[in-house]
Amino acid sequence: MKNIIQNINKAFDHRIRLGIMSVLMVNENADFSTLKELLGVTDGNLASHAKALENENYITVEKHFIGRKPNTKYIATKEGKKAFQEHIEALEKLISNS
């Protein structure tokens, strides 16, 4: 029997990373404040999980200023979107085989 969990991506194991990618799959981008509010997480948690996704090349980070205020924007990469879609498909197969 084929290993039914082989396509589940470890990078998306944590609920915060799953949440970040879910938001970025349906939006062109999201800024730090928006993600923090939507996910209900602390600055440190969001930053560390975003960094983990960035290290996998699943998201890119753009930093700029709006007036004098810093703004950090996150964007899912093509590779990240593909990996996340494969992860979701693997979860769906796992559920349907249960």
PDB file of N, CA and C in Angstrom:
ATOM      1  N   MET A   1       0.841  -1.195   0.000  1.00  0.00           N
ATOM      2  CA  MET A   1       0.000   0.000   0.000  1.00  0.00           C
ATOM      3  C   MET A   1       0.882   1.252   0.000  1.00  0.00           C
ATOM      4  N   LYS A   2       0.527   2.172  -0.831  1.00  0.00           N
ATOM      5  CA  LYS A   2       1.264   3.431  -0.936  1.00  0.00           C
ATOM      6  C   LYS A   2       1.175   4.204   0.382  1.00  0.00           C
ATOM      7  N   ASN A   3       2.274   4.842   0.756  1.00  0.00           N
ATOM      8  CA  ASN A   3       2.309   5.651   1.968  1.00  0.00           C
ATOM      9  C   ASN A   3       1.365   6.843   1.785  1.00  0.00           C
ATOM     10  N   ILE A   4       0.273   6.858   2.536  1.00  0.00           N
ATOM     11  CA  ILE A   4      -0.762   7.879   2.312  1.00  0.00           C
ATOM     12  C   ILE A   4      -0.403   9.243   2.876  1.00  0.00           C
ATOM     13  N   ILE A   5       0.671   9.335   3.619  1.00  0.00           N
ATOM     14  CA  ILE A   5       1.048  10.646   4.165  1.00  0.00           C
ATOM     15  C   ILE A   5       2.323  11.200   3.523  1.00  0.00           C
ATOM     16  N   GLN A   6       2.820  10.546   2.484  1.00  0.00           N
ATOM     17  CA  GLN A   6       4.098  10.970   1.899  1.00  0.00           C
ATOM     18  C   GLN A   6       4.076  12.372   1.301  1.00  0.00           C
ATOM     19  N   ASN A   7       2.947  12.857   0.841  1.00  0.00           N
ATOM     20  CA  ASN A   7       2.897  14.189   0.233  1.00  0.00           C
ATOM     21  C   ASN A   7       2.467  15.287   1.203  1.00  0.00           C
ATOM     22  N   ILE A   8       2.314  14.932   2.469  1.00  0.00           N
ATOM     23  CA  ILE A   8       2.002  15.957   3.463  1.00  0.00           C
ATOM     24  C   ILE A   8       3.303  16.693   3.771  1.00  0.00           C
ATOM     25  N   ASN A   9       3.277  17.992   3.589  1.00  0.00           N
ATOM     26  CA  ASN A   9       4.479  18.823   3.683  1.00  0.00           C
ATOM     27  C   ASN A   9       4.703  19.282   5.119  1.00  0.00           C
ATOM     28  N   LYS A  10       5.836  18.909   5.681  1.00  0.00           N
ATOM     29  CA  LYS A  10       6.178  19.249   7.063  1.00  0.00           C
ATOM     30  C   LYS A  10       6.230  20.767   7.289  1.00  0.00           C
ATOM     31  N   ALA A  11       6.534  21.525   6.260  1.00  0.00           N
ATOM     32  CA  ALA A  11       6.596  22.988   6.399  1.00  0.00           C
ATOM     33  C   ALA A  11       5.247  23.584   6.787  1.00  0.00           C
ATOM     34  N   PHE A  12       4.167  22.862   6.526  1.00  0.00           N
ATOM     35  CA  PHE A  12       2.827  23.367   6.822  1.00  0.00           C
ATOM     36  C   PHE A  12       2.207  22.679   8.043  1.00  0.00           C
ATOM     37  N   ASP A  13       3.007  21.972   8.819  1.00  0.00           N
ATOM     38  CA  ASP A  13       2.505  21.257   9.998  1.00  0.00           C
ATOM     39  C   ASP A  13       1.919  22.183  11.051  1.00  0.00           C
ATOM     40  N   HIS A  14       2.502  23.327  11.230  1.00  0.00           N
ATOM     41  CA  HIS A  14       2.046  24.219  12.294  1.00  0.00           C
ATOM     42  C   HIS A  14       0.857  25.054  11.833  1.00  0.00           C
ATOM     43  N   ARG A  15      -0.074  25.281  12.741  1.00  0.00           N
ATOM     44  CA  ARG A  15      -1.306  25.999  12.381  1.00  0.00           C
ATOM     45  C   ARG A  15      -1.040  27.427  11.905  1.00  0.00           C
ATOM     46  N   ILE A  16       0.007  28.069  12.419  1.00  0.00           N
ATOM     47  CA  ILE A  16       0.300  29.440  11.991  1.00  0.00           C
ATOM     48  C   ILE A  16       0.796  29.445  10.549  1.00  0.00           C
ATOM     49  N   ARG A  17       1.671  28.521  10.203  1.00  0.00           N
ATOM     50  CA  ARG A  17       2.151  28.436   8.806  1.00  0.00           C
ATOM     51  C   ARG A  17       1.012  28.067   7.869  1.00  0.00           C
ATOM     52  N   LEU A  18       0.171  27.153   8.315  1.00  0.00           N
ATOM     53  CA  LEU A  18      -1.002  26.776   7.533  1.00  0.00           C
ATOM     54  C   LEU A  18      -1.894  27.996   7.313  1.00  0.00           C
ATOM     55  N   GLY A  19      -2.060  28.796   8.354  1.00  0.00           N
ATOM     56  CA  GLY A  19      -2.877  30.008   8.262  1.00  0.00           C
ATOM     57  C   GLY A  19      -2.274  31.052   7.337  1.00  0.00           C
ATOM     58  N   ILE A  20      -0.967  31.264   7.452  1.00  0.00           N
ATOM     59  CA  ILE A  20      -0.293  32.238   6.581  1.00  0.00           C
ATOM     60  C   ILE A  20      -0.503  31.860   5.121  1.00  0.00           C
ATOM     61  N   MET A  21      -0.237  30.595   4.814  1.00  0.00           N
ATOM     62  CA  MET A  21      -0.371  30.163   3.416  1.00  0.00           C
ATOM     63  C   MET A  21      -1.825  30.199   2.947  1.00  0.00           C
ATOM     64  N   SER A  22      -2.751  29.865   3.826  1.00  0.00           N
ATOM     65  CA  SER A  22      -4.170  29.913   3.447  1.00  0.00           C
ATOM     66  C   SER A  22      -4.579  31.327   3.061  1.00  0.00           C
ATOM     67  N   VAL A  23      -4.139  32.302   3.849  1.00  0.00           N
ATOM     68  CA  VAL A  23      -4.454  33.700   3.539  1.00  0.00           C
ATOM     69  C   VAL A  23      -3.810  34.113   2.218  1.00  0.00           C
ATOM     70  N   LEU A  24      -2.558  33.712   2.017  1.00  0.00           N
ATOM     71  CA  LEU A  24      -1.840  34.129   0.806  1.00  0.00           C
ATOM     72  C   LEU A  24      -2.309  33.402  -0.457  1.00  0.00           C
ATOM     73  N   MET A  25      -2.961  32.271  -0.302  1.00  0.00           N
ATOM     74  CA  MET A  25      -3.483  31.564  -1.473  1.00  0.00           C
ATOM     75  C   MET A  25      -4.690  32.281  -2.077  1.00  0.00           C
ATOM     76  N   VAL A  26      -5.419  33.016  -1.257  1.00  0.00           N
ATOM     77  CA  VAL A  26      -6.629  33.681  -1.749  1.00  0.00           C
ATOM     78  C   VAL A  26      -6.479  35.194  -1.856  1.00  0.00           C
ATOM     79  N   ASN A  27      -5.312  35.698  -1.477  1.00  0.00           N
ATOM     80  CA  ASN A  27      -5.013  37.124  -1.583  1.00  0.00           C
ATOM     81  C   ASN A  27      -3.669  37.291  -2.280  1.00  0.00           C
ATOM     82  N   GLU A  28      -3.537  38.334  -3.055  1.00  0.00           N
ATOM     83  CA  GLU A  28      -2.279  38.602  -3.753  1.00  0.00           C
ATOM     84  C   GLU A  28      -1.132  38.774  -2.761  1.00  0.00           C
ATOM     85  N   ASN A  29      -1.437  39.418  -1.623  1.00  0.00           N
ATOM     86  CA  ASN A  29      -0.448  39.617  -0.565  1.00  0.00           C
ATOM     87  C   ASN A  29      -1.190  39.945   0.718  1.00  0.00           C
ATOM     88  N   ALA A  30      -0.437  39.981   1.808  1.00  0.00           N
ATOM     89  CA  ALA A  30      -1.001  40.382   3.091  1.00  0.00           C
ATOM     90  C   ALA A  30       0.107  41.033   3.904  1.00  0.00           C
ATOM     91  N   ASP A  31      -0.239  42.090   4.629  1.00  0.00           N
ATOM     92  CA  ASP A  31       0.789  42.721   5.452  1.00  0.00           C
ATOM     93  C   ASP A  31       0.817  42.097   6.850  1.00  0.00           C
ATOM     94  N   PHE A  32       1.854  42.425   7.592  1.00  0.00           N
ATOM     95  CA  PHE A  32       2.094  41.845   8.907  1.00  0.00           C
ATOM     96  C   PHE A  32       0.900  42.043   9.836  1.00  0.00           C
ATOM     97  N   SER A  33       0.393  43.251   9.894  1.00  0.00           N
ATOM     98  CA  SER A  33      -0.729  43.560  10.801  1.00  0.00           C
ATOM     99  C   SER A  33      -1.970  42.756  10.459  1.00  0.00           C
ATOM    100  N   THR A  34      -2.253  42.629   9.181  1.00  0.00           N
ATOM    101  CA  THR A  34      -3.425  41.866   8.739  1.00  0.00           C
ATOM    102  C   THR A  34      -3.291  40.406   9.140  1.00  0.00           C
ATOM    103  N   LEU A  35      -2.130  39.810   8.861  1.00  0.00           N
ATOM    104  CA  LEU A  35      -1.917  38.412   9.231  1.00  0.00           C
ATOM    105  C   LEU A  35      -2.001  38.225  10.742  1.00  0.00           C
ATOM    106  N   LYS A  36      -1.403  39.139  11.478  1.00  0.00           N
ATOM    107  CA  LYS A  36      -1.410  39.051  12.940  1.00  0.00           C
ATOM    108  C   LYS A  36      -2.848  39.064  13.466  1.00  0.00           C
ATOM    109  N   GLU A  37      -3.656  39.953  12.932  1.00  0.00           N
ATOM    110  CA  GLU A  37      -5.049  40.063  13.358  1.00  0.00           C
ATOM    111  C   GLU A  37      -5.866  38.839  12.944  1.00  0.00           C
ATOM    112  N   LEU A  38      -5.734  38.426  11.683  1.00  0.00           N
ATOM    113  CA  LEU A  38      -6.499  37.281  11.191  1.00  0.00           C
ATOM    114  C   LEU A  38      -6.176  35.993  11.937  1.00  0.00           C
ATOM    115  N   LEU A  39      -4.903  35.804  12.250  1.00  0.00           N
ATOM    116  CA  LEU A  39      -4.464  34.562  12.869  1.00  0.00           C
ATOM    117  C   LEU A  39      -4.475  34.609  14.394  1.00  0.00           C
ATOM    118  N   GLY A  40      -4.580  35.800  14.959  1.00  0.00           N
ATOM    119  CA  GLY A  40      -4.608  35.931  16.405  1.00  0.00           C
ATOM    120  C   GLY A  40      -3.324  35.470  17.072  1.00  0.00           C
ATOM    121  N   VAL A  41      -2.192  35.920  16.534  1.00  0.00           N
ATOM    122  CA  VAL A  41      -0.882  35.490  17.040  1.00  0.00           C
ATOM    123  C   VAL A  41      -0.067  36.702  17.495  1.00  0.00           C
ATOM    124  N   THR A  42       1.017  36.419  18.205  1.00  0.00           N
ATOM    125  CA  THR A  42       1.911  37.488  18.646  1.00  0.00           C
ATOM    126  C   THR A  42       2.860  37.873  17.517  1.00  0.00           C
ATOM    127  N   ASP A  43       3.492  39.018  17.677  1.00  0.00           N
ATOM    128  CA  ASP A  43       4.486  39.474  16.693  1.00  0.00           C
ATOM    129  C   ASP A  43       5.569  38.425  16.493  1.00  0.00           C
ATOM    130  N   GLY A  44       6.105  37.916  17.602  1.00  0.00           N
ATOM    131  CA  GLY A  44       7.200  36.951  17.540  1.00  0.00           C
ATOM    132  C   GLY A  44       6.812  35.654  16.859  1.00  0.00           C
ATOM    133  N   ASN A  45       5.617  35.147  17.183  1.00  0.00           N
ATOM    134  CA  ASN A  45       5.154  33.909  16.542  1.00  0.00           C
ATOM    135  C   ASN A  45       4.999  34.091  15.040  1.00  0.00           C
ATOM    136  N   LEU A  46       4.362  35.178  14.659  1.00  0.00           N
ATOM    137  CA  LEU A  46       4.159  35.420  13.235  1.00  0.00           C
ATOM    138  C   LEU A  46       5.488  35.581  12.518  1.00  0.00           C
ATOM    139  N   ALA A  47       6.381  36.355  13.087  1.00  0.00           N
ATOM    140  CA  ALA A  47       7.679  36.589  12.452  1.00  0.00           C
ATOM    141  C   ALA A  47       8.476  35.293  12.301  1.00  0.00           C
ATOM    142  N   SER A  48       8.486  34.448  13.319  1.00  0.00           N
ATOM    143  CA  SER A  48       9.280  33.218  13.243  1.00  0.00           C
ATOM    144  C   SER A  48       8.689  32.224  12.248  1.00  0.00           C
ATOM    145  N   HIS A  49       7.371  32.131  12.192  1.00  0.00           N
ATOM    146  CA  HIS A  49       6.754  31.201  11.242  1.00  0.00           C
ATOM    147  C   HIS A  49       6.836  31.733   9.807  1.00  0.00           C
ATOM    148  N   ALA A  50       6.740  33.035   9.640  1.00  0.00           N
ATOM    149  CA  ALA A  50       6.928  33.617   8.307  1.00  0.00           C
ATOM    150  C   ALA A  50       8.362  33.384   7.842  1.00  0.00           C
ATOM    151  N   LYS A  51       9.317  33.507   8.747  1.00  0.00           N
ATOM    152  CA  LYS A  51      10.722  33.276   8.400  1.00  0.00           C
ATOM    153  C   LYS A  51      10.937  31.827   7.965  1.00  0.00           C
ATOM    154  N   ALA A  52      10.280  30.894   8.637  1.00  0.00           N
ATOM    155  CA  ALA A  52      10.397  29.482   8.257  1.00  0.00           C
ATOM    156  C   ALA A  52       9.875  29.253   6.835  1.00  0.00           C
ATOM    157  N   LEU A  53       8.758  29.891   6.500  1.00  0.00           N
ATOM    158  CA  LEU A  53       8.214  29.770   5.142  1.00  0.00           C
ATOM    159  C   LEU A  53       9.105  30.474   4.122  1.00  0.00           C
ATOM    160  N   GLU A  54       9.680  31.586   4.528  1.00  0.00           N
ATOM    161  CA  GLU A  54      10.598  32.303   3.640  1.00  0.00           C
ATOM    162  C   GLU A  54      11.848  31.456   3.378  1.00  0.00           C
ATOM    163  N   ASN A  55      12.356  30.781   4.401  1.00  0.00           N
ATOM    164  CA  ASN A  55      13.536  29.916   4.239  1.00  0.00           C
ATOM    165  C   ASN A  55      13.276  28.761   3.282  1.00  0.00           C
ATOM    166  N   GLU A  56      12.030  28.331   3.188  1.00  0.00           N
ATOM    167  CA  GLU A  56      11.648  27.260   2.252  1.00  0.00           C
ATOM    168  C   GLU A  56      11.373  27.808   0.847  1.00  0.00           C
ATOM    169  N   ASN A  57      11.468  29.128   0.702  1.00  0.00           N
ATOM    170  CA  ASN A  57      11.133  29.819  -0.553  1.00  0.00           C
ATOM    171  C   ASN A  57       9.655  29.680  -0.922  1.00  0.00           C
ATOM    172  N   TYR A  58       8.808  29.588   0.108  1.00  0.00           N
ATOM    173  CA  TYR A  58       7.372  29.499  -0.116  1.00  0.00           C
ATOM    174  C   TYR A  58       6.704  30.872  -0.080  1.00  0.00           C
ATOM    175  N   ILE A  59       7.368  31.841   0.551  1.00  0.00           N
ATOM    176  CA  ILE A  59       6.865  33.215   0.551  1.00  0.00           C
ATOM    177  C   ILE A  59       8.032  34.169   0.344  1.00  0.00           C
ATOM    178  N   THR A  60       7.710  35.348  -0.149  1.00  0.00           N
ATOM    179  CA  THR A  60       8.701  36.420  -0.204  1.00  0.00           C
ATOM    180  C   THR A  60       8.220  37.534   0.709  1.00  0.00           C
ATOM    181  N   VAL A  61       9.179  38.308   1.174  1.00  0.00           N
ATOM    182  CA  VAL A  61       8.882  39.394   2.104  1.00  0.00           C
ATOM    183  C   VAL A  61       9.352  40.696   1.484  1.00  0.00           C
ATOM    184  N   GLU A  62       8.475  41.669   1.468  1.00  0.00           N
ATOM    185  CA  GLU A  62       8.820  43.003   0.981  1.00  0.00           C
ATOM    186  C   GLU A  62       8.648  43.978   2.128  1.00  0.00           C
ATOM    187  N   LYS A  63       9.692  44.741   2.400  1.00  0.00           N
ATOM    188  CA  LYS A  63       9.639  45.742   3.474  1.00  0.00           C
ATOM    189  C   LYS A  63       9.803  47.119   2.861  1.00  0.00           C
ATOM    190  N   HIS A  64       8.926  48.018   3.249  1.00  0.00           N
ATOM    191  CA  HIS A  64       9.018  49.388   2.784  1.00  0.00           C
ATOM    192  C   HIS A  64       8.334  50.296   3.819  1.00  0.00           C
ATOM    193  N   PHE A  65       8.370  51.560   3.559  1.00  0.00           N
ATOM    194  CA  PHE A  65       7.748  52.517   4.478  1.00  0.00           C
ATOM    195  C   PHE A  65       6.520  53.135   3.825  1.00  0.00           C
ATOM    196  N   ILE A  66       5.494  53.324   4.636  1.00  0.00           N
ATOM    197  CA  ILE A  66       4.317  54.086   4.236  1.00  0.00           C
ATOM    198  C   ILE A  66       4.380  55.342   5.097  1.00  0.00           C
ATOM    199  N   GLY A  67       4.801  56.426   4.475  1.00  0.00           N
ATOM    200  CA  GLY A  67       5.117  57.628   5.244  1.00  0.00           C
ATOM    201  C   GLY A  67       6.348  57.322   6.080  1.00  0.00           C
ATOM    202  N   ARG A  68       6.221  57.442   7.369  1.00  0.00           N
ATOM    203  CA  ARG A  68       7.336  57.123   8.270  1.00  0.00           C
ATOM    204  C   ARG A  68       7.165  55.763   8.937  1.00  0.00           C
ATOM    205  N   LYS A  69       6.085  55.062   8.598  1.00  0.00           N
ATOM    206  CA  LYS A  69       5.774  53.789   9.239  1.00  0.00           C
ATOM    207  C   LYS A  69       6.292  52.614   8.417  1.00  0.00           C
ATOM    208  N   PRO A  70       7.023  51.683   9.054  1.00  0.00           N
ATOM    209  CA  PRO A  70       7.466  50.501   8.318  1.00  0.00           C
ATOM    210  C   PRO A  70       6.284  49.590   7.997  1.00  0.00           C
ATOM    211  N   ASN A  71       6.347  48.943   6.849  1.00  0.00           N
ATOM    212  CA  ASN A  71       5.299  48.017   6.434  1.00  0.00           C
ATOM    213  C   ASN A  71       5.960  46.774   5.849  1.00  0.00           C
ATOM    214  N   THR A  72       5.543  45.620   6.332  1.00  0.00           N
ATOM    215  CA  THR A  72       6.057  44.347   5.836  1.00  0.00           C
ATOM    216  C   THR A  72       4.930  43.624   5.123  1.00  0.00           C
ATOM    217  N   LYS A  73       5.189  43.232   3.883  1.00  0.00           N
ATOM    218  CA  LYS A  73       4.185  42.576   3.051  1.00  0.00           C
ATOM    219  C   LYS A  73       4.690  41.184   2.675  1.00  0.00           C
ATOM    220  N   TYR A  74       3.806  40.196   2.744  1.00  0.00           N
ATOM    221  CA  TYR A  74       4.136  38.810   2.421  1.00  0.00           C
ATOM    222  C   TYR A  74       3.396  38.396   1.161  1.00  0.00           C
ATOM    223  N   ILE A  75       4.101  37.638   0.318  1.00  0.00           N
ATOM    224  CA  ILE A  75       3.548  37.177  -0.958  1.00  0.00           C
ATOM    225  C   ILE A  75       3.932  35.710  -1.130  1.00  0.00           C
ATOM    226  N   ALA A  76       2.961  34.875  -1.483  1.00  0.00           N
ATOM    227  CA  ALA A  76       3.264  33.463  -1.753  1.00  0.00           C
ATOM    228  C   ALA A  76       3.991  33.355  -3.090  1.00  0.00           C
ATOM    229  N   THR A  77       5.050  32.561  -3.114  1.00  0.00           N
ATOM    230  CA  THR A  77       5.780  32.336  -4.363  1.00  0.00           C
ATOM    231  C   THR A  77       5.058  31.281  -5.197  1.00  0.00           C
ATOM    232  N   LYS A  78       5.434  31.173  -6.435  1.00  0.00           N
ATOM    233  CA  LYS A  78       4.870  30.134  -7.309  1.00  0.00           C
ATOM    234  C   LYS A  78       5.156  28.757  -6.703  1.00  0.00           C
ATOM    235  N   GLU A  79       6.381  28.574  -6.233  1.00  0.00           N
ATOM    236  CA  GLU A  79       6.787  27.315  -5.594  1.00  0.00           C
ATOM    237  C   GLU A  79       5.952  27.055  -4.326  1.00  0.00           C
ATOM    238  N   GLY A  80       5.730  28.106  -3.555  1.00  0.00           N
ATOM    239  CA  GLY A  80       4.936  27.983  -2.335  1.00  0.00           C
ATOM    240  C   GLY A  80       3.492  27.609  -2.621  1.00  0.00           C
ATOM    241  N   LYS A  81       2.905  28.242  -3.631  1.00  0.00           N
ATOM    242  CA  LYS A  81       1.525  27.930  -4.007  1.00  0.00           C
ATOM    243  C   LYS A  81       1.398  26.475  -4.456  1.00  0.00           C
ATOM    244  N   LYS A  82       2.367  26.030  -5.236  1.00  0.00           N
ATOM    245  CA  LYS A  82       2.353  24.637  -5.720  1.00  0.00           C
ATOM    246  C   LYS A  82       2.489  23.665  -4.548  1.00  0.00           C
ATOM    247  N   ALA A  83       3.433  23.926  -3.665  1.00  0.00           N
ATOM    248  CA  ALA A  83       3.660  23.051  -2.510  1.00  0.00           C
ATOM    249  C   ALA A  83       2.431  23.016  -1.603  1.00  0.00           C
ATOM    250  N   PHE A  84       1.803  24.167  -1.404  1.00  0.00           N
ATOM    251  CA  PHE A  84       0.631  24.221  -0.533  1.00  0.00           C
ATOM    252  C   PHE A  84      -0.540  23.487  -1.171  1.00  0.00           C
ATOM    253  N   GLN A  85      -0.720  23.656  -2.469  1.00  0.00           N
ATOM    254  CA  GLN A  85      -1.801  22.950  -3.167  1.00  0.00           C
ATOM    255  C   GLN A  85      -1.597  21.439  -3.069  1.00  0.00           C
ATOM    256  N   GLU A  86      -0.356  20.980  -3.243  1.00  0.00           N
ATOM    257  CA  GLU A  86      -0.063  19.547  -3.114  1.00  0.00           C
ATOM    258  C   GLU A  86      -0.324  19.064  -1.691  1.00  0.00           C
ATOM    259  N   HIS A  87      -0.010  19.889  -0.703  1.00  0.00           N
ATOM    260  CA  HIS A  87      -0.255  19.556   0.700  1.00  0.00           C
ATOM    261  C   HIS A  87      -1.755  19.393   0.957  1.00  0.00           C
ATOM    262  N   ILE A  88      -2.545  20.330   0.465  1.00  0.00           N
ATOM    263  CA  ILE A  88      -3.997  20.274   0.646  1.00  0.00           C
ATOM    264  C   ILE A  88      -4.572  19.039  -0.053  1.00  0.00           C
ATOM    265  N   GLU A  89      -4.094  18.752  -1.245  1.00  0.00           N
ATOM    266  CA  GLU A  89      -4.560  17.561  -1.974  1.00  0.00           C
ATOM    267  C   GLU A  89      -4.211  16.281  -1.209  1.00  0.00           C
ATOM    268  N   ALA A  90      -3.026  16.243  -0.610  1.00  0.00           N
ATOM    269  CA  ALA A  90      -2.623  15.075   0.179  1.00  0.00           C
ATOM    270  C   ALA A  90      -3.528  14.916   1.402  1.00  0.00           C
ATOM    271  N   LEU A  91      -3.867  16.032   2.048  1.00  0.00           N
ATOM    272  CA  LEU A  91      -4.773  15.967   3.191  1.00  0.00           C
ATOM    273  C   LEU A  91      -6.165  15.473   2.766  1.00  0.00           C
ATOM    274  N   GLU A  92      -6.629  15.955   1.630  1.00  0.00           N
ATOM    275  CA  GLU A  92      -7.940  15.530   1.124  1.00  0.00           C
ATOM    276  C   GLU A  92      -7.950  14.030   0.826  1.00  0.00           C
ATOM    277  N   LYS A  93      -6.863  13.518   0.241  1.00  0.00           N
ATOM    278  CA  LYS A  93      -6.767  12.075  -0.039  1.00  0.00           C
ATOM    279  C   LYS A  93      -6.738  11.282   1.258  1.00  0.00           C
ATOM    280  N   LEU A  94      -6.004  11.791   2.237  1.00  0.00           N
ATOM    281  CA  LEU A  94      -5.923  11.122   3.531  1.00  0.00           C
ATOM    282  C   LEU A  94      -7.303  11.033   4.175  1.00  0.00           C
ATOM    283  N   ILE A  95      -8.049  12.116   4.111  1.00  0.00           N
ATOM    284  CA  ILE A  95      -9.386  12.140   4.711  1.00  0.00           C
ATOM    285  C   ILE A  95     -10.334  11.210   3.961  1.00  0.00           C
ATOM    286  N   SER A  96     -10.264  11.219   2.646  1.00  0.00           N
ATOM    287  CA  SER A  96     -11.185  10.392   1.859  1.00  0.00           C
ATOM    288  C   SER A  96     -10.860   8.899   1.978  1.00  0.00           C
ATOM    289  N   ASN A  97      -9.625   8.550   2.356  1.00  0.00           N
ATOM    290  CA  ASN A  97      -9.231   7.157   2.529  1.00  0.00           C
ATOM    291  C   ASN A  97      -9.488   6.651   3.943  1.00  0.00           C
ATOM    292  N   SER A  98      -9.921   7.540   4.821  1.00  0.00           N
ATOM    293  CA  SER A  98     -10.142   7.146   6.223  1.00  0.00           C
ATOM    294  C   SER A  98     -11.457   6.445   6.403  1.00  0.00           C
TER     295      SER A  98
END
